[in-house]
Amino acid sequence: MLFVYSAIDCYNKSELRAKNNAAHVTYVYNHGIKIIHAGPLVCDDGVSPMGTLIIVEAPNRKVVQKFIDNDPYVKAGLFCQISLIAWDKKTS
């Protein structure tokens, strides 16, 4: 099953993001959960990060929630909003 994990940074937390970025990236790609797509959400300037989007394949929501709970960004308190939504990707 596919899940979309998206999160929006709290205001004025760019230093916190920078400090935890390497740990976050290492965690995401070495955790063992199958990553379909991942990357930062950016402001309209196309450069400045403002959040995170990760699409994963996992057997259930509980597995993904545990993945989110242990994300270094989450543990550091970077995000003010987090969503986890199951995604039924249809191809046409």
N, C-alpha and C. Protein backbone atom coordinates (compact mmCIF):
# COMPACT_ATOMS: atom_id res chain seq x y z
N MET A 1 0.85 -1.17 0.00
CA MET A 1 0.00 0.00 0.00
C MET A 1 0.90 1.24 0.00
N LEU A 2 0.47 2.27 -0.72
CA LEU A 2 1.23 3.52 -0.79
C LEU A 2 0.68 4.53 0.20
N PHE A 3 1.60 5.31 0.78
CA PHE A 3 1.24 6.38 1.72
C PHE A 3 2.02 7.63 1.37
N VAL A 4 1.37 8.77 1.52
CA VAL A 4 1.99 10.07 1.33
C VAL A 4 2.18 10.71 2.71
N TYR A 5 3.42 10.98 3.03
CA TYR A 5 3.80 11.66 4.27
C TYR A 5 4.25 13.05 3.87
N SER A 6 3.51 14.05 4.29
CA SER A 6 3.91 15.42 3.99
C SER A 6 3.92 16.23 5.28
N ALA A 7 4.81 17.20 5.32
CA ALA A 7 4.95 18.01 6.52
C ALA A 7 5.37 19.42 6.14
N ILE A 8 4.89 20.37 6.92
CA ILE A 8 5.22 21.78 6.71
C ILE A 8 6.06 22.24 7.89
N ASP A 9 7.17 22.93 7.57
CA ASP A 9 8.05 23.44 8.62
C ASP A 9 7.36 24.51 9.46
N CYS A 10 7.72 24.55 10.73
CA CYS A 10 7.29 25.66 11.59
C CYS A 10 7.99 26.92 11.09
N TYR A 11 7.39 28.05 11.35
CA TYR A 11 7.95 29.33 10.93
C TYR A 11 9.32 29.56 11.57
N ASN A 12 10.25 30.06 10.77
CA ASN A 12 11.56 30.49 11.24
C ASN A 12 12.39 29.34 11.82
N LYS A 13 12.32 28.16 11.20
CA LYS A 13 13.07 27.00 11.69
C LYS A 13 14.13 26.54 10.69
N SER A 14 14.61 27.44 9.81
CA SER A 14 15.58 27.03 8.79
C SER A 14 16.88 26.52 9.40
N GLU A 15 17.31 27.08 10.51
CA GLU A 15 18.53 26.58 11.17
C GLU A 15 18.33 25.17 11.69
N LEU A 16 17.15 24.89 12.24
CA LEU A 16 16.84 23.56 12.74
C LEU A 16 16.82 22.55 11.60
N ARG A 17 16.27 22.95 10.45
CA ARG A 17 16.26 22.09 9.26
C ARG A 17 17.69 21.79 8.82
N ALA A 18 18.50 22.82 8.71
CA ALA A 18 19.88 22.65 8.26
C ALA A 18 20.67 21.74 9.21
N LYS A 19 20.48 21.94 10.49
CA LYS A 19 21.20 21.16 11.50
C LYS A 19 20.85 19.67 11.43
N ASN A 20 19.62 19.34 11.09
CA ASN A 20 19.15 17.95 11.09
C ASN A 20 19.03 17.33 9.70
N ASN A 21 19.40 18.06 8.65
CA ASN A 21 19.20 17.57 7.29
C ASN A 21 19.96 16.28 7.01
N ALA A 22 21.23 16.22 7.33
CA ALA A 22 22.02 15.02 7.03
C ALA A 22 21.44 13.79 7.74
N ALA A 23 21.07 13.95 8.99
CA ALA A 23 20.49 12.83 9.75
C ALA A 23 19.16 12.40 9.14
N HIS A 24 18.35 13.37 8.72
CA HIS A 24 17.05 13.08 8.09
C HIS A 24 17.24 12.28 6.81
N VAL A 25 18.12 12.75 5.93
CA VAL A 25 18.34 12.08 4.64
C VAL A 25 18.88 10.66 4.87
N THR A 26 19.84 10.52 5.75
CA THR A 26 20.38 9.19 6.06
C THR A 26 19.29 8.28 6.59
N TYR A 27 18.47 8.80 7.49
CA TYR A 27 17.38 8.01 8.07
C TYR A 27 16.40 7.56 6.98
N VAL A 28 15.97 8.49 6.14
CA VAL A 28 14.97 8.17 5.12
C VAL A 28 15.47 7.06 4.19
N TYR A 29 16.70 7.16 3.74
CA TYR A 29 17.19 6.20 2.75
C TYR A 29 17.81 4.95 3.35
N ASN A 30 17.96 4.89 4.65
CA ASN A 30 18.55 3.71 5.27
C ASN A 30 17.64 3.05 6.29
N HIS A 31 16.41 3.51 6.40
CA HIS A 31 15.49 2.98 7.40
C HIS A 31 15.00 1.58 7.05
N GLY A 32 14.86 1.30 5.77
CA GLY A 32 14.36 0.00 5.35
C GLY A 32 12.96 0.05 4.77
N ILE A 33 12.25 1.14 4.94
CA ILE A 33 10.95 1.31 4.32
C ILE A 33 11.18 1.66 2.84
N LYS A 34 10.32 1.17 1.96
CA LYS A 34 10.51 1.41 0.53
C LYS A 34 10.07 2.82 0.17
N ILE A 35 11.02 3.62 -0.28
CA ILE A 35 10.76 5.00 -0.68
C ILE A 35 10.42 5.02 -2.17
N ILE A 36 9.26 5.54 -2.50
CA ILE A 36 8.85 5.70 -3.90
C ILE A 36 9.36 7.03 -4.43
N HIS A 37 9.22 8.06 -3.62
CA HIS A 37 9.69 9.39 -3.99
C HIS A 37 9.86 10.20 -2.71
N ALA A 38 10.87 11.06 -2.68
CA ALA A 38 11.09 11.90 -1.51
C ALA A 38 11.80 13.18 -1.92
N GLY A 39 11.49 14.26 -1.22
CA GLY A 39 12.18 15.52 -1.46
C GLY A 39 11.55 16.64 -0.69
N PRO A 40 12.24 17.77 -0.67
CA PRO A 40 11.71 18.92 0.06
C PRO A 40 10.57 19.60 -0.70
N LEU A 41 9.62 20.12 0.04
CA LEU A 41 8.64 21.05 -0.51
C LEU A 41 9.32 22.42 -0.45
N VAL A 42 9.14 23.22 -1.49
CA VAL A 42 9.84 24.51 -1.55
C VAL A 42 8.86 25.66 -1.74
N CYS A 43 9.33 26.84 -1.38
CA CYS A 43 8.55 28.07 -1.57
C CYS A 43 8.46 28.37 -3.07
N ASP A 44 7.68 29.36 -3.42
CA ASP A 44 7.49 29.72 -4.82
C ASP A 44 8.77 30.16 -5.51
N ASP A 45 9.83 30.45 -4.74
CA ASP A 45 11.10 30.80 -5.38
C ASP A 45 11.78 29.57 -5.97
N GLY A 46 11.22 28.37 -5.67
CA GLY A 46 11.76 27.13 -6.21
C GLY A 46 12.99 26.62 -5.50
N VAL A 47 13.41 27.30 -4.45
CA VAL A 47 14.66 26.95 -3.78
C VAL A 47 14.50 26.77 -2.27
N SER A 48 13.87 27.71 -1.63
CA SER A 48 13.79 27.73 -0.17
C SER A 48 12.89 26.63 0.36
N PRO A 49 13.44 25.70 1.18
CA PRO A 49 12.63 24.61 1.69
C PRO A 49 11.58 25.10 2.68
N MET A 50 10.40 24.47 2.60
CA MET A 50 9.33 24.81 3.53
C MET A 50 8.62 23.58 4.09
N GLY A 51 9.12 22.39 3.71
CA GLY A 51 8.50 21.17 4.18
C GLY A 51 9.11 19.95 3.52
N THR A 52 8.43 18.83 3.70
CA THR A 52 8.93 17.55 3.22
C THR A 52 7.78 16.75 2.62
N LEU A 53 8.07 16.02 1.56
CA LEU A 53 7.10 15.12 0.95
C LEU A 53 7.80 13.78 0.72
N ILE A 54 7.22 12.72 1.26
CA ILE A 54 7.77 11.38 1.07
C ILE A 54 6.62 10.44 0.74
N ILE A 55 6.78 9.69 -0.33
CA ILE A 55 5.81 8.66 -0.70
C ILE A 55 6.48 7.32 -0.45
N VAL A 56 5.83 6.48 0.35
CA VAL A 56 6.41 5.19 0.72
C VAL A 56 5.46 4.06 0.39
N GLU A 57 6.03 2.88 0.28
CA GLU A 57 5.22 1.66 0.17
C GLU A 57 5.44 0.88 1.45
N ALA A 58 4.35 0.54 2.10
CA ALA A 58 4.42 -0.17 3.38
C ALA A 58 3.19 -1.04 3.54
N PRO A 59 3.27 -2.05 4.41
CA PRO A 59 2.13 -2.95 4.57
C PRO A 59 0.92 -2.30 5.24
N ASN A 60 1.17 -1.26 6.06
CA ASN A 60 0.05 -0.62 6.76
C ASN A 60 0.48 0.73 7.35
N ARG A 61 -0.51 1.47 7.81
CA ARG A 61 -0.30 2.80 8.38
C ARG A 61 0.60 2.77 9.61
N LYS A 62 0.47 1.74 10.42
CA LYS A 62 1.25 1.66 11.66
C LYS A 62 2.75 1.68 11.36
N VAL A 63 3.18 0.97 10.33
CA VAL A 63 4.59 0.93 9.94
C VAL A 63 5.06 2.33 9.53
N VAL A 64 4.25 3.03 8.76
CA VAL A 64 4.62 4.37 8.30
C VAL A 64 4.61 5.35 9.46
N GLN A 65 3.65 5.23 10.36
CA GLN A 65 3.61 6.14 11.51
C GLN A 65 4.86 5.98 12.37
N LYS A 66 5.32 4.76 12.54
CA LYS A 66 6.55 4.53 13.30
C LYS A 66 7.74 5.17 12.59
N PHE A 67 7.78 5.05 11.25
CA PHE A 67 8.81 5.69 10.45
C PHE A 67 8.80 7.20 10.66
N ILE A 68 7.62 7.80 10.63
CA ILE A 68 7.49 9.25 10.83
C ILE A 68 7.93 9.63 12.24
N ASP A 69 7.47 8.91 13.23
CA ASP A 69 7.78 9.24 14.62
C ASP A 69 9.27 9.26 14.91
N ASN A 70 10.04 8.48 14.16
CA ASN A 70 11.48 8.40 14.38
C ASN A 70 12.31 9.24 13.42
N ASP A 71 11.64 9.99 12.55
CA ASP A 71 12.34 10.88 11.62
C ASP A 71 13.07 11.96 12.44
N PRO A 72 14.36 12.19 12.20
CA PRO A 72 15.09 13.22 12.94
C PRO A 72 14.45 14.61 12.87
N TYR A 73 13.82 14.95 11.75
CA TYR A 73 13.13 16.23 11.67
C TYR A 73 11.98 16.28 12.68
N VAL A 74 11.22 15.22 12.78
CA VAL A 74 10.09 15.16 13.71
C VAL A 74 10.61 15.23 15.15
N LYS A 75 11.62 14.45 15.44
CA LYS A 75 12.19 14.44 16.79
C LYS A 75 12.75 15.81 17.19
N ALA A 76 13.24 16.56 16.21
CA ALA A 76 13.80 17.89 16.48
C ALA A 76 12.72 18.97 16.60
N GLY A 77 11.48 18.65 16.23
CA GLY A 77 10.39 19.63 16.31
C GLY A 77 10.33 20.59 15.15
N LEU A 78 10.79 20.16 13.97
CA LEU A 78 10.81 21.03 12.80
C LEU A 78 9.42 21.35 12.26
N PHE A 79 8.51 20.40 12.32
CA PHE A 79 7.24 20.55 11.62
C PHE A 79 6.12 21.08 12.51
N CYS A 80 5.30 21.95 11.92
CA CYS A 80 4.10 22.43 12.61
C CYS A 80 2.86 21.70 12.11
N GLN A 81 3.00 21.01 10.98
CA GLN A 81 1.87 20.26 10.40
C GLN A 81 2.40 19.00 9.72
N ILE A 82 1.79 17.86 10.04
CA ILE A 82 2.18 16.59 9.43
C ILE A 82 0.90 15.89 8.98
N SER A 83 0.95 15.31 7.78
CA SER A 83 -0.19 14.50 7.34
C SER A 83 0.32 13.16 6.81
N LEU A 84 -0.49 12.17 7.00
CA LEU A 84 -0.23 10.82 6.49
C LEU A 84 -1.49 10.33 5.85
N ILE A 85 -1.44 10.12 4.54
CA ILE A 85 -2.63 9.78 3.78
C ILE A 85 -2.32 8.56 2.90
N ALA A 86 -3.21 7.58 2.93
CA ALA A 86 -3.09 6.45 2.01
C ALA A 86 -3.36 6.95 0.60
N TRP A 87 -2.61 6.40 -0.36
CA TRP A 87 -2.72 6.86 -1.75
C TRP A 87 -3.00 5.67 -2.66
N ASP A 88 -4.09 5.77 -3.38
CA ASP A 88 -4.48 4.74 -4.33
C ASP A 88 -4.07 5.24 -5.71
N LYS A 89 -2.83 4.99 -6.08
CA LYS A 89 -2.32 5.47 -7.36
C LYS A 89 -2.93 4.65 -8.50
N LYS A 90 -3.65 5.33 -9.34
CA LYS A 90 -4.26 4.71 -10.52
C LYS A 90 -3.49 5.15 -11.75
N THR A 91 -3.27 4.25 -12.64
CA THR A 91 -2.66 4.60 -13.91
C THR A 91 -3.72 4.50 -14.99
N SER A 92 -3.65 5.37 -15.96
CA SER A 92 -4.65 5.34 -17.02
C SER A 92 -4.01 5.14 -18.37
